[in-house]
Amino acid sequence: MFYYLFSLLVIALDQLTKWTIVKNMNLGESIPVIDEVFYITSHRNRGAAFGILQDQRYFFIIITLAVVGAVVYYMQRHASDKLLKFALALVLGGAIGNFSDRLIRGEVVDFLNVYIGNYDFPIFNVADSALVIGVGLIFIQSFMESSKKETKNEQV
């Protein structure tokens, strides 16, 4: 149950930050936080990560429903490792956060704008961050699990 509450916290934080951006900033407006590195920029995305697959709202709604179903099923039936459950909770919260935007607004509100040197990283949001961190943790957990199995097999 804790992991679902954590997902709910991610969703709430995501939606609160997006609501704050929509209510207080004009589209395209940018506020420097750290000059030439980090800005809060009001942006909308009708596609997926990095702006791919623009205007495929219903495709993303269907895919997200499938992902949410799969994550909940896996959390209930197969996930026993705490790190994996935490990672899946992040993925669940992030997926539902962006799903809510697509369902309600028809587009995703993005606002975290980072520059790495001369590269302007695609603008993202809290849900995107949760998804990326969650997937990264799943890879780490998978690697750790694989290493444990290799060590166990070597001992036999």
N, C-alpha and C. Protein backbone atom coordinates (compact mmCIF):
# COMPACT_ATOMS: atom_id res chain seq x y z
N MET A 1 0.82 -1.20 0.00
CA MET A 1 0.00 0.00 0.00
C MET A 1 0.86 1.27 0.00
N PHE A 2 1.98 1.21 0.73
CA PHE A 2 2.88 2.36 0.80
C PHE A 2 3.30 2.83 -0.59
N TYR A 3 3.58 1.90 -1.48
CA TYR A 3 4.08 2.25 -2.80
C TYR A 3 3.01 2.94 -3.65
N TYR A 4 1.76 2.57 -3.46
CA TYR A 4 0.68 3.25 -4.16
C TYR A 4 0.49 4.67 -3.61
N LEU A 5 0.68 4.82 -2.31
CA LEU A 5 0.62 6.16 -1.72
C LEU A 5 1.76 7.03 -2.24
N PHE A 6 2.92 6.41 -2.40
CA PHE A 6 4.05 7.15 -2.97
C PHE A 6 3.73 7.59 -4.40
N SER A 7 3.12 6.70 -5.18
CA SER A 7 2.70 7.06 -6.55
C SER A 7 1.73 8.24 -6.51
N LEU A 8 0.81 8.20 -5.57
CA LEU A 8 -0.16 9.28 -5.41
C LEU A 8 0.54 10.60 -5.07
N LEU A 9 1.58 10.54 -4.25
CA LEU A 9 2.36 11.73 -3.93
C LEU A 9 3.04 12.30 -5.19
N VAL A 10 3.59 11.42 -6.02
CA VAL A 10 4.21 11.85 -7.28
C VAL A 10 3.17 12.53 -8.16
N ILE A 11 2.00 11.92 -8.28
CA ILE A 11 0.92 12.50 -9.11
C ILE A 11 0.52 13.86 -8.57
N ALA A 12 0.33 13.96 -7.26
CA ALA A 12 -0.07 15.23 -6.65
C ALA A 12 0.97 16.32 -6.88
N LEU A 13 2.24 15.99 -6.67
CA LEU A 13 3.31 16.97 -6.88
C LEU A 13 3.38 17.39 -8.35
N ASP A 14 3.24 16.42 -9.24
CA ASP A 14 3.25 16.70 -10.66
C ASP A 14 2.11 17.64 -11.04
N GLN A 15 0.90 17.30 -10.62
CA GLN A 15 -0.26 18.10 -11.00
C GLN A 15 -0.24 19.49 -10.35
N LEU A 16 0.24 19.58 -9.12
CA LEU A 16 0.34 20.88 -8.44
C LEU A 16 1.32 21.79 -9.16
N THR A 17 2.47 21.25 -9.54
CA THR A 17 3.46 22.08 -10.22
C THR A 17 2.95 22.51 -11.60
N LYS A 18 2.29 21.62 -12.31
CA LYS A 18 1.74 21.97 -13.62
C LYS A 18 0.65 23.02 -13.50
N TRP A 19 -0.23 22.85 -12.51
CA TRP A 19 -1.29 23.82 -12.28
C TRP A 19 -0.70 25.20 -11.98
N THR A 20 0.36 25.22 -11.17
CA THR A 20 1.02 26.49 -10.83
C THR A 20 1.57 27.16 -12.08
N ILE A 21 2.17 26.39 -12.97
CA ILE A 21 2.72 26.94 -14.22
C ILE A 21 1.58 27.48 -15.09
N VAL A 22 0.53 26.71 -15.28
CA VAL A 22 -0.59 27.12 -16.14
C VAL A 22 -1.24 28.39 -15.61
N LYS A 23 -1.41 28.49 -14.31
CA LYS A 23 -2.11 29.63 -13.71
C LYS A 23 -1.25 30.89 -13.61
N ASN A 24 0.06 30.73 -13.54
CA ASN A 24 0.92 31.89 -13.24
C ASN A 24 1.86 32.32 -14.35
N MET A 25 1.93 31.54 -15.44
CA MET A 25 2.87 31.89 -16.51
C MET A 25 2.16 31.86 -17.86
N ASN A 26 2.59 32.73 -18.74
CA ASN A 26 2.12 32.68 -20.12
C ASN A 26 2.89 31.61 -20.86
N LEU A 27 2.24 31.01 -21.84
CA LEU A 27 2.91 30.01 -22.68
C LEU A 27 4.16 30.62 -23.31
N GLY A 28 5.29 29.96 -23.17
CA GLY A 28 6.55 30.45 -23.72
C GLY A 28 7.34 31.32 -22.77
N GLU A 29 6.71 31.78 -21.69
CA GLU A 29 7.42 32.61 -20.71
C GLU A 29 8.48 31.77 -20.00
N SER A 30 9.62 32.40 -19.72
CA SER A 30 10.73 31.69 -19.09
C SER A 30 11.29 32.51 -17.94
N ILE A 31 11.51 31.86 -16.81
CA ILE A 31 12.07 32.51 -15.63
C ILE A 31 13.41 31.85 -15.31
N PRO A 32 14.49 32.65 -15.33
CA PRO A 32 15.80 32.06 -15.00
C PRO A 32 15.89 31.69 -13.52
N VAL A 33 16.38 30.49 -13.26
CA VAL A 33 16.66 30.06 -11.90
C VAL A 33 18.17 30.10 -11.70
N ILE A 34 18.91 29.52 -12.64
CA ILE A 34 20.37 29.62 -12.70
C ILE A 34 20.69 30.00 -14.14
N ASP A 35 21.12 31.25 -14.34
CA ASP A 35 21.38 31.74 -15.70
C ASP A 35 22.22 30.78 -16.52
N GLU A 36 21.77 30.55 -17.74
CA GLU A 36 22.43 29.71 -18.73
C GLU A 36 22.48 28.23 -18.36
N VAL A 37 21.74 27.84 -17.30
CA VAL A 37 21.73 26.44 -16.88
C VAL A 37 20.30 25.92 -16.67
N PHE A 38 19.51 26.63 -15.87
CA PHE A 38 18.19 26.12 -15.49
C PHE A 38 17.16 27.23 -15.49
N TYR A 39 16.04 26.98 -16.18
CA TYR A 39 14.93 27.93 -16.29
C TYR A 39 13.62 27.22 -16.03
N ILE A 40 12.65 27.96 -15.55
CA ILE A 40 11.27 27.49 -15.50
C ILE A 40 10.62 28.10 -16.74
N THR A 41 10.20 27.27 -17.68
CA THR A 41 9.67 27.72 -18.97
C THR A 41 8.32 27.05 -19.21
N SER A 42 7.30 27.86 -19.42
CA SER A 42 5.96 27.33 -19.70
C SER A 42 5.90 26.80 -21.13
N HIS A 43 5.70 25.50 -21.23
CA HIS A 43 5.73 24.82 -22.53
C HIS A 43 4.64 23.76 -22.57
N ARG A 44 4.13 23.45 -23.75
CA ARG A 44 3.16 22.37 -23.91
C ARG A 44 3.69 21.37 -24.93
N ASN A 45 3.40 20.10 -24.69
CA ASN A 45 3.87 19.03 -25.55
C ASN A 45 2.70 18.13 -25.91
N ARG A 46 2.43 18.00 -27.20
CA ARG A 46 1.35 17.13 -27.66
C ARG A 46 1.90 15.77 -28.11
N GLY A 47 3.16 15.52 -27.78
CA GLY A 47 3.78 14.25 -28.18
C GLY A 47 4.35 13.53 -26.98
N ALA A 48 5.39 12.76 -27.24
CA ALA A 48 6.07 12.00 -26.18
C ALA A 48 7.39 12.68 -25.84
N ALA A 49 8.25 11.94 -25.18
CA ALA A 49 9.56 12.46 -24.80
C ALA A 49 10.28 13.03 -26.02
N PHE A 50 10.94 14.14 -25.81
CA PHE A 50 11.71 14.82 -26.84
C PHE A 50 10.82 15.30 -28.00
N GLY A 51 9.51 15.40 -27.76
CA GLY A 51 8.59 15.93 -28.76
C GLY A 51 8.26 14.99 -29.90
N ILE A 52 8.60 13.71 -29.77
CA ILE A 52 8.30 12.78 -30.86
C ILE A 52 6.81 12.42 -30.86
N LEU A 53 6.32 11.96 -31.99
CA LEU A 53 4.94 11.50 -32.16
C LEU A 53 3.92 12.57 -31.74
N GLN A 54 4.09 13.77 -32.26
CA GLN A 54 3.17 14.87 -31.95
C GLN A 54 1.74 14.53 -32.37
N ASP A 55 0.78 15.02 -31.60
CA ASP A 55 -0.65 14.90 -31.88
C ASP A 55 -1.15 13.46 -31.97
N GLN A 56 -0.58 12.58 -31.16
CA GLN A 56 -1.02 11.19 -31.09
C GLN A 56 -1.67 10.92 -29.74
N ARG A 57 -2.53 11.84 -29.31
CA ARG A 57 -3.14 11.82 -27.97
C ARG A 57 -3.76 10.46 -27.65
N TYR A 58 -4.62 9.95 -28.51
CA TYR A 58 -5.33 8.71 -28.20
C TYR A 58 -4.39 7.51 -28.17
N PHE A 59 -3.37 7.53 -28.99
CA PHE A 59 -2.35 6.48 -28.95
C PHE A 59 -1.69 6.46 -27.57
N PHE A 60 -1.32 7.64 -27.06
CA PHE A 60 -0.66 7.72 -25.75
C PHE A 60 -1.61 7.34 -24.62
N ILE A 61 -2.87 7.68 -24.75
CA ILE A 61 -3.85 7.30 -23.73
C ILE A 61 -3.96 5.78 -23.66
N ILE A 62 -4.05 5.12 -24.80
CA ILE A 62 -4.16 3.65 -24.83
C ILE A 62 -2.88 3.00 -24.29
N ILE A 63 -1.73 3.48 -24.75
CA ILE A 63 -0.45 2.93 -24.29
C ILE A 63 -0.30 3.12 -22.78
N THR A 64 -0.66 4.29 -22.29
CA THR A 64 -0.52 4.56 -20.85
C THR A 64 -1.43 3.65 -20.04
N LEU A 65 -2.65 3.43 -20.50
CA LEU A 65 -3.55 2.51 -19.79
C LEU A 65 -2.94 1.11 -19.71
N ALA A 66 -2.32 0.67 -20.80
CA ALA A 66 -1.67 -0.64 -20.82
C ALA A 66 -0.48 -0.66 -19.85
N VAL A 67 0.32 0.40 -19.85
CA VAL A 67 1.49 0.47 -18.96
C VAL A 67 1.03 0.48 -17.50
N VAL A 68 0.04 1.30 -17.18
CA VAL A 68 -0.46 1.37 -15.80
C VAL A 68 -0.99 0.00 -15.37
N GLY A 69 -1.75 -0.65 -16.23
CA GLY A 69 -2.25 -1.99 -15.90
C GLY A 69 -1.13 -2.98 -15.66
N ALA A 70 -0.12 -2.94 -16.52
CA ALA A 70 1.01 -3.86 -16.39
C ALA A 70 1.81 -3.58 -15.11
N VAL A 71 2.03 -2.32 -14.79
CA VAL A 71 2.78 -1.97 -13.59
C VAL A 71 2.03 -2.41 -12.34
N VAL A 72 0.74 -2.13 -12.29
CA VAL A 72 -0.06 -2.53 -11.11
C VAL A 72 -0.07 -4.06 -10.98
N TYR A 73 -0.28 -4.75 -12.08
CA TYR A 73 -0.27 -6.21 -12.07
C TYR A 73 1.07 -6.73 -11.55
N TYR A 74 2.17 -6.20 -12.08
CA TYR A 74 3.49 -6.67 -11.69
C TYR A 74 3.77 -6.36 -10.22
N MET A 75 3.37 -5.16 -9.77
CA MET A 75 3.57 -4.81 -8.36
C MET A 75 2.81 -5.76 -7.44
N GLN A 76 1.62 -6.14 -7.83
CA GLN A 76 0.77 -7.01 -7.01
C GLN A 76 1.25 -8.46 -7.02
N ARG A 77 1.68 -8.94 -8.17
CA ARG A 77 1.94 -10.38 -8.33
C ARG A 77 3.40 -10.79 -8.21
N HIS A 78 4.31 -9.93 -8.65
CA HIS A 78 5.69 -10.39 -8.80
C HIS A 78 6.75 -9.58 -8.07
N ALA A 79 6.50 -8.33 -7.81
CA ALA A 79 7.54 -7.48 -7.22
C ALA A 79 7.62 -7.72 -5.71
N SER A 80 8.77 -8.19 -5.28
CA SER A 80 8.97 -8.39 -3.84
C SER A 80 10.11 -7.51 -3.33
N ASP A 81 11.01 -7.16 -4.20
CA ASP A 81 12.16 -6.32 -3.86
C ASP A 81 11.71 -4.87 -3.62
N LYS A 82 12.15 -4.27 -2.52
CA LYS A 82 11.73 -2.90 -2.19
C LYS A 82 12.17 -1.88 -3.24
N LEU A 83 13.39 -2.03 -3.75
CA LEU A 83 13.87 -1.10 -4.77
C LEU A 83 13.00 -1.19 -6.03
N LEU A 84 12.65 -2.39 -6.43
CA LEU A 84 11.80 -2.58 -7.60
C LEU A 84 10.41 -1.98 -7.37
N LYS A 85 9.84 -2.19 -6.20
CA LYS A 85 8.53 -1.61 -5.90
C LYS A 85 8.58 -0.08 -5.92
N PHE A 86 9.64 0.48 -5.36
CA PHE A 86 9.82 1.93 -5.36
C PHE A 86 9.94 2.44 -6.80
N ALA A 87 10.73 1.75 -7.60
CA ALA A 87 10.91 2.13 -9.01
C ALA A 87 9.58 2.06 -9.76
N LEU A 88 8.84 0.99 -9.56
CA LEU A 88 7.54 0.84 -10.22
C LEU A 88 6.55 1.90 -9.74
N ALA A 89 6.63 2.29 -8.48
CA ALA A 89 5.77 3.35 -7.96
C ALA A 89 6.08 4.68 -8.66
N LEU A 90 7.36 4.95 -8.90
CA LEU A 90 7.74 6.15 -9.64
C LEU A 90 7.21 6.11 -11.08
N VAL A 91 7.35 4.98 -11.73
CA VAL A 91 6.84 4.82 -13.10
C VAL A 91 5.33 5.00 -13.12
N LEU A 92 4.65 4.40 -12.16
CA LEU A 92 3.19 4.51 -12.08
C LEU A 92 2.76 5.96 -11.88
N GLY A 93 3.37 6.64 -10.93
CA GLY A 93 3.03 8.04 -10.67
C GLY A 93 3.32 8.93 -11.86
N GLY A 94 4.46 8.72 -12.49
CA GLY A 94 4.82 9.53 -13.67
C GLY A 94 3.88 9.28 -14.83
N ALA A 95 3.56 8.02 -15.07
CA ALA A 95 2.67 7.68 -16.19
C ALA A 95 1.28 8.29 -15.97
N ILE A 96 0.76 8.19 -14.76
CA ILE A 96 -0.57 8.74 -14.48
C ILE A 96 -0.54 10.26 -14.51
N GLY A 97 0.55 10.87 -14.06
CA GLY A 97 0.67 12.33 -14.11
C GLY A 97 0.53 12.87 -15.52
N ASN A 98 1.28 12.31 -16.45
CA ASN A 98 1.20 12.77 -17.84
C ASN A 98 -0.10 12.32 -18.50
N PHE A 99 -0.60 11.14 -18.11
CA PHE A 99 -1.89 10.65 -18.61
C PHE A 99 -3.00 11.65 -18.28
N SER A 100 -2.98 12.15 -17.05
CA SER A 100 -4.00 13.12 -16.62
C SER A 100 -3.99 14.36 -17.51
N ASP A 101 -2.80 14.84 -17.83
CA ASP A 101 -2.69 16.01 -18.72
C ASP A 101 -3.30 15.72 -20.08
N ARG A 102 -2.94 14.59 -20.64
CA ARG A 102 -3.44 14.24 -21.98
C ARG A 102 -4.96 14.10 -21.97
N LEU A 103 -5.47 13.51 -20.91
CA LEU A 103 -6.91 13.30 -20.81
C LEU A 103 -7.66 14.62 -20.61
N ILE A 104 -7.17 15.46 -19.73
CA ILE A 104 -7.86 16.70 -19.36
C ILE A 104 -7.55 17.85 -20.32
N ARG A 105 -6.27 18.06 -20.62
CA ARG A 105 -5.86 19.22 -21.42
C ARG A 105 -5.63 18.91 -22.90
N GLY A 106 -5.42 17.63 -23.20
CA GLY A 106 -5.10 17.26 -24.58
C GLY A 106 -3.63 17.45 -24.90
N GLU A 107 -2.85 17.84 -23.91
CA GLU A 107 -1.41 18.06 -24.07
C GLU A 107 -0.77 18.01 -22.69
N VAL A 108 0.53 17.81 -22.67
CA VAL A 108 1.28 17.72 -21.41
C VAL A 108 1.95 19.06 -21.13
N VAL A 109 1.83 19.51 -19.88
CA VAL A 109 2.48 20.74 -19.44
C VAL A 109 3.90 20.41 -19.02
N ASP A 110 4.86 21.04 -19.66
CA ASP A 110 6.28 20.90 -19.32
C ASP A 110 6.80 22.25 -18.86
N PHE A 111 7.83 22.24 -18.00
CA PHE A 111 8.33 23.52 -17.50
C PHE A 111 9.77 23.51 -17.01
N LEU A 112 10.38 22.37 -16.85
CA LEU A 112 11.77 22.31 -16.37
C LEU A 112 12.69 22.34 -17.58
N ASN A 113 13.44 23.42 -17.70
CA ASN A 113 14.26 23.68 -18.89
C ASN A 113 15.73 23.75 -18.49
N VAL A 114 16.51 22.78 -18.93
CA VAL A 114 17.91 22.66 -18.54
C VAL A 114 18.81 22.79 -19.76
N TYR A 115 19.87 23.56 -19.60
CA TYR A 115 20.90 23.69 -20.63
C TYR A 115 22.15 22.98 -20.13
N ILE A 116 22.69 22.10 -20.98
CA ILE A 116 23.94 21.42 -20.67
C ILE A 116 24.94 21.94 -21.69
N GLY A 117 25.75 22.90 -21.26
CA GLY A 117 26.64 23.59 -22.21
C GLY A 117 25.79 24.35 -23.21
N ASN A 118 25.99 24.09 -24.48
CA ASN A 118 25.20 24.74 -25.53
C ASN A 118 23.94 23.95 -25.88
N TYR A 119 23.76 22.78 -25.27
CA TYR A 119 22.62 21.92 -25.59
C TYR A 119 21.41 22.29 -24.72
N ASP A 120 20.30 22.61 -25.35
CA ASP A 120 19.05 22.89 -24.66
C ASP A 120 18.29 21.58 -24.55
N PHE A 121 18.37 20.95 -23.39
CA PHE A 121 17.70 19.67 -23.16
C PHE A 121 16.19 19.88 -23.32
N PRO A 122 15.47 18.91 -23.90
CA PRO A 122 14.01 19.08 -24.04
C PRO A 122 13.35 19.38 -22.69
N ILE A 123 12.41 20.31 -22.71
CA ILE A 123 11.71 20.74 -21.50
C ILE A 123 10.88 19.57 -20.97
N PHE A 124 10.89 19.39 -19.65
CA PHE A 124 10.22 18.24 -19.04
C PHE A 124 9.47 18.66 -17.79
N ASN A 125 8.93 17.69 -17.04
CA ASN A 125 8.14 17.99 -15.85
C ASN A 125 8.42 16.95 -14.76
N VAL A 126 7.70 17.04 -13.66
CA VAL A 126 7.89 16.13 -12.53
C VAL A 126 7.58 14.69 -12.93
N ALA A 127 6.49 14.48 -13.68
CA ALA A 127 6.13 13.13 -14.11
C ALA A 127 7.22 12.51 -14.97
N ASP A 128 7.77 13.30 -15.89
CA ASP A 128 8.86 12.80 -16.73
C ASP A 128 10.05 12.40 -15.87
N SER A 129 10.36 13.22 -14.88
CA SER A 129 11.48 12.92 -13.98
C SER A 129 11.24 11.62 -13.24
N ALA A 130 10.02 11.43 -12.73
CA ALA A 130 9.69 10.21 -12.01
C ALA A 130 9.82 8.99 -12.93
N LEU A 131 9.36 9.12 -14.16
CA LEU A 131 9.47 8.02 -15.12
C LEU A 131 10.92 7.65 -15.39
N VAL A 132 11.75 8.65 -15.65
CA VAL A 132 13.16 8.40 -15.96
C VAL A 132 13.89 7.79 -14.77
N ILE A 133 13.66 8.34 -13.59
CA ILE A 133 14.30 7.80 -12.39
C ILE A 133 13.81 6.38 -12.12
N GLY A 134 12.50 6.15 -12.26
CA GLY A 134 11.94 4.82 -12.06
C GLY A 134 12.52 3.79 -13.00
N VAL A 135 12.59 4.13 -14.29
CA VAL A 135 13.16 3.20 -15.27
C VAL A 135 14.64 2.96 -14.97
N GLY A 136 15.35 4.01 -14.60
CA GLY A 136 16.76 3.86 -14.25
C GLY A 136 16.94 2.92 -13.06
N LEU A 137 16.09 3.05 -12.06
CA LEU A 137 16.16 2.17 -10.89
C LEU A 137 15.81 0.72 -11.25
N ILE A 138 14.89 0.55 -12.20
CA ILE A 138 14.56 -0.80 -12.65
C ILE A 138 15.79 -1.44 -13.30
N PHE A 139 16.52 -0.68 -14.12
CA PHE A 139 17.76 -1.20 -14.72
C PHE A 139 18.78 -1.55 -13.64
N ILE A 140 18.93 -0.68 -12.66
CA ILE A 140 19.89 -0.93 -11.58
C ILE A 140 19.50 -2.19 -10.81
N GLN A 141 18.20 -2.30 -10.47
CA GLN A 141 17.73 -3.47 -9.73
C GLN A 141 17.93 -4.74 -10.55
N SER A 142 17.65 -4.67 -11.85
CA SER A 142 17.84 -5.83 -12.73
C SER A 142 19.31 -6.24 -12.78
N PHE A 143 20.19 -5.26 -12.86
CA PHE A 143 21.63 -5.53 -12.88
C PHE A 143 22.07 -6.17 -11.57
N MET A 144 21.58 -5.64 -10.45
CA MET A 144 21.94 -6.19 -9.15
C MET A 144 21.42 -7.62 -9.01
N GLU A 145 20.21 -7.85 -9.47
CA GLU A 145 19.61 -9.20 -9.41
C GLU A 145 20.40 -10.17 -10.28
N SER A 146 20.80 -9.72 -11.45
CA SER A 146 21.59 -10.54 -12.36
C SER A 146 22.94 -10.88 -11.74
N SER A 147 23.56 -9.90 -11.10
CA SER A 147 24.85 -10.13 -10.45
C SER A 147 24.72 -11.14 -9.32
N LYS A 148 23.62 -11.06 -8.56
CA LYS A 148 23.39 -12.01 -7.47
C LYS A 148 23.26 -13.43 -8.03
N LYS A 149 22.54 -13.58 -9.12
CA LYS A 149 22.35 -14.90 -9.72
C LYS A 149 23.66 -15.46 -10.25
N GLU A 150 24.50 -14.60 -10.87
CA GLU A 150 25.79 -15.05 -11.36
C GLU A 150 26.68 -15.51 -10.23
N THR A 151 26.69 -14.75 -9.14
CA THR A 151 27.50 -15.10 -7.97
C THR A 151 27.00 -16.42 -7.37
N LYS A 152 25.71 -16.58 -7.30
CA LYS A 152 25.12 -17.81 -6.75
C LYS A 152 25.47 -19.01 -7.63
N ASN A 153 25.41 -18.84 -8.97
CA ASN A 153 25.75 -19.92 -9.90
C ASN A 153 27.22 -20.28 -9.82
N GLU A 154 28.08 -19.29 -9.60
CA GLU A 154 29.51 -19.56 -9.50
C GLU A 154 29.85 -20.35 -8.24
N GLN A 155 29.05 -20.16 -7.19
CA GLN A 155 29.29 -20.84 -5.92
C GLN A 155 28.85 -22.30 -5.97
N VAL A 156 27.98 -22.63 -6.90
CA VAL A 156 27.44 -24.00 -6.98
C VAL A 156 28.38 -24.91 -7.66
